[in-house]
Amino acid sequence: MPNLALAFGLTLFAGLATGIGGLVAFFVKGTNYRFLSVSTGFSAGVMLYISFVEIFFKGEEALVLAYGPTMGKWINVAAFFAGSCSPP
């Protein structure tokens, strides 16, 4: 039950943060392109961190359990680079 309360609290916080951001964008008169580019770059950096660091190690844990320590790490690295180098 404590995990449910934590999940609900984090979801509520994320929703409120999105709503506040929407209100700020709605009430601001002019467009500040410098702020927009900095905030977009920051969000892109956060997503890159999550995909490169967090998901990489979670995938390694799962593949090591499935294929063993040596083969699991090689499959993880190969899948990472295949996904990074594939055309859009």
Protein backbone atom coordinates (compact mmCIF):
# COMPACT_ATOMS: atom_id res chain seq x y z
CA MET A 1 0.00 0.00 0.00
CA PRO A 2 2.84 2.51 0.61
CA ASN A 3 3.99 1.96 -2.99
CA LEU A 4 0.51 2.86 -4.21
CA ALA A 5 0.58 6.14 -2.30
CA LEU A 6 4.04 6.96 -3.65
CA ALA A 7 2.98 6.17 -7.23
CA PHE A 8 -0.15 8.29 -6.86
CA GLY A 9 1.83 11.18 -5.37
CA LEU A 10 4.42 11.14 -8.16
CA THR A 11 1.72 10.95 -10.81
CA LEU A 12 -0.11 13.86 -9.21
CA PHE A 13 3.12 15.88 -9.06
CA ALA A 14 3.85 15.21 -12.74
CA GLY A 15 0.34 16.20 -13.74
CA LEU A 16 0.45 19.40 -11.71
CA ALA A 17 3.85 20.31 -13.15
CA THR A 18 2.49 19.84 -16.66
CA GLY A 19 -0.54 21.98 -15.83
CA ILE A 20 1.58 24.77 -14.35
CA GLY A 21 3.82 24.72 -17.43
CA GLY A 22 0.76 24.99 -19.64
CA LEU A 23 -0.56 27.93 -17.63
CA VAL A 24 2.77 29.73 -17.87
CA ALA A 25 2.81 29.25 -21.65
CA PHE A 26 -0.80 30.42 -21.89
CA PHE A 27 -0.36 33.66 -19.93
CA VAL A 28 3.02 34.82 -21.28
CA LYS A 29 2.57 37.46 -23.97
CA GLY A 30 5.75 37.14 -26.03
CA THR A 31 7.82 34.17 -27.14
CA ASN A 32 11.31 33.97 -25.68
CA TYR A 33 13.16 31.78 -28.17
CA ARG A 34 16.30 31.63 -26.05
CA PHE A 35 14.38 30.18 -23.10
CA LEU A 36 12.56 27.80 -25.44
CA SER A 37 15.80 26.51 -26.96
CA VAL A 38 17.46 26.08 -23.55
CA SER A 39 14.50 24.21 -22.10
CA THR A 40 14.23 21.99 -25.18
CA GLY A 41 17.95 21.20 -24.95
CA PHE A 42 17.62 20.40 -21.26
CA SER A 43 14.73 18.02 -21.84
CA ALA A 44 16.63 16.33 -24.68
CA GLY A 45 19.62 15.88 -22.38
CA VAL A 46 17.43 14.28 -19.71
CA MET A 47 15.95 11.85 -22.22
CA LEU A 48 19.40 10.95 -23.56
CA TYR A 49 20.62 10.31 -20.02
CA ILE A 50 17.68 8.05 -19.32
CA SER A 51 18.06 6.08 -22.51
CA PHE A 52 21.84 5.77 -22.42
CA VAL A 53 22.42 5.18 -18.72
CA GLU A 54 19.32 3.87 -17.01
CA ILE A 55 17.89 1.65 -19.74
CA PHE A 56 21.31 0.34 -20.78
CA PHE A 57 22.05 -1.09 -17.34
CA LYS A 58 18.52 -2.44 -16.86
CA GLY A 59 18.85 -4.25 -20.19
CA GLU A 60 22.21 -5.62 -19.15
CA GLU A 61 20.76 -7.03 -15.93
CA ALA A 62 17.95 -8.77 -17.80
CA LEU A 63 20.19 -10.15 -20.54
CA VAL A 64 22.80 -11.41 -18.10
CA LEU A 65 20.08 -13.34 -16.28
CA ALA A 66 18.81 -14.79 -19.55
CA TYR A 67 22.08 -15.54 -21.40
CA GLY A 68 24.82 -15.57 -18.78
CA PRO A 69 27.38 -12.94 -17.83
CA THR A 70 29.52 -12.92 -20.98
CA MET A 71 26.94 -13.44 -23.69
CA GLY A 72 24.38 -11.17 -22.02
CA LYS A 73 26.78 -8.22 -21.94
CA TRP A 74 27.75 -8.72 -25.59
CA ILE A 75 24.12 -8.91 -26.69
CA ASN A 76 23.36 -5.75 -24.72
CA VAL A 77 26.21 -3.79 -26.33
CA ALA A 78 25.36 -5.10 -29.81
CA ALA A 79 21.69 -4.20 -29.41
CA PHE A 80 22.62 -0.75 -28.07
CA PHE A 81 24.82 0.09 -31.04
CA ALA A 82 22.43 -1.48 -33.55
CA GLY A 83 19.67 0.71 -32.19
CA SER A 84 21.88 3.81 -32.11
CA CYS A 85 23.22 3.37 -35.64
CA SER A 86 20.03 2.29 -37.37
CA PRO A 87 18.55 4.77 -39.86
CA PRO A 88 15.42 6.62 -38.79
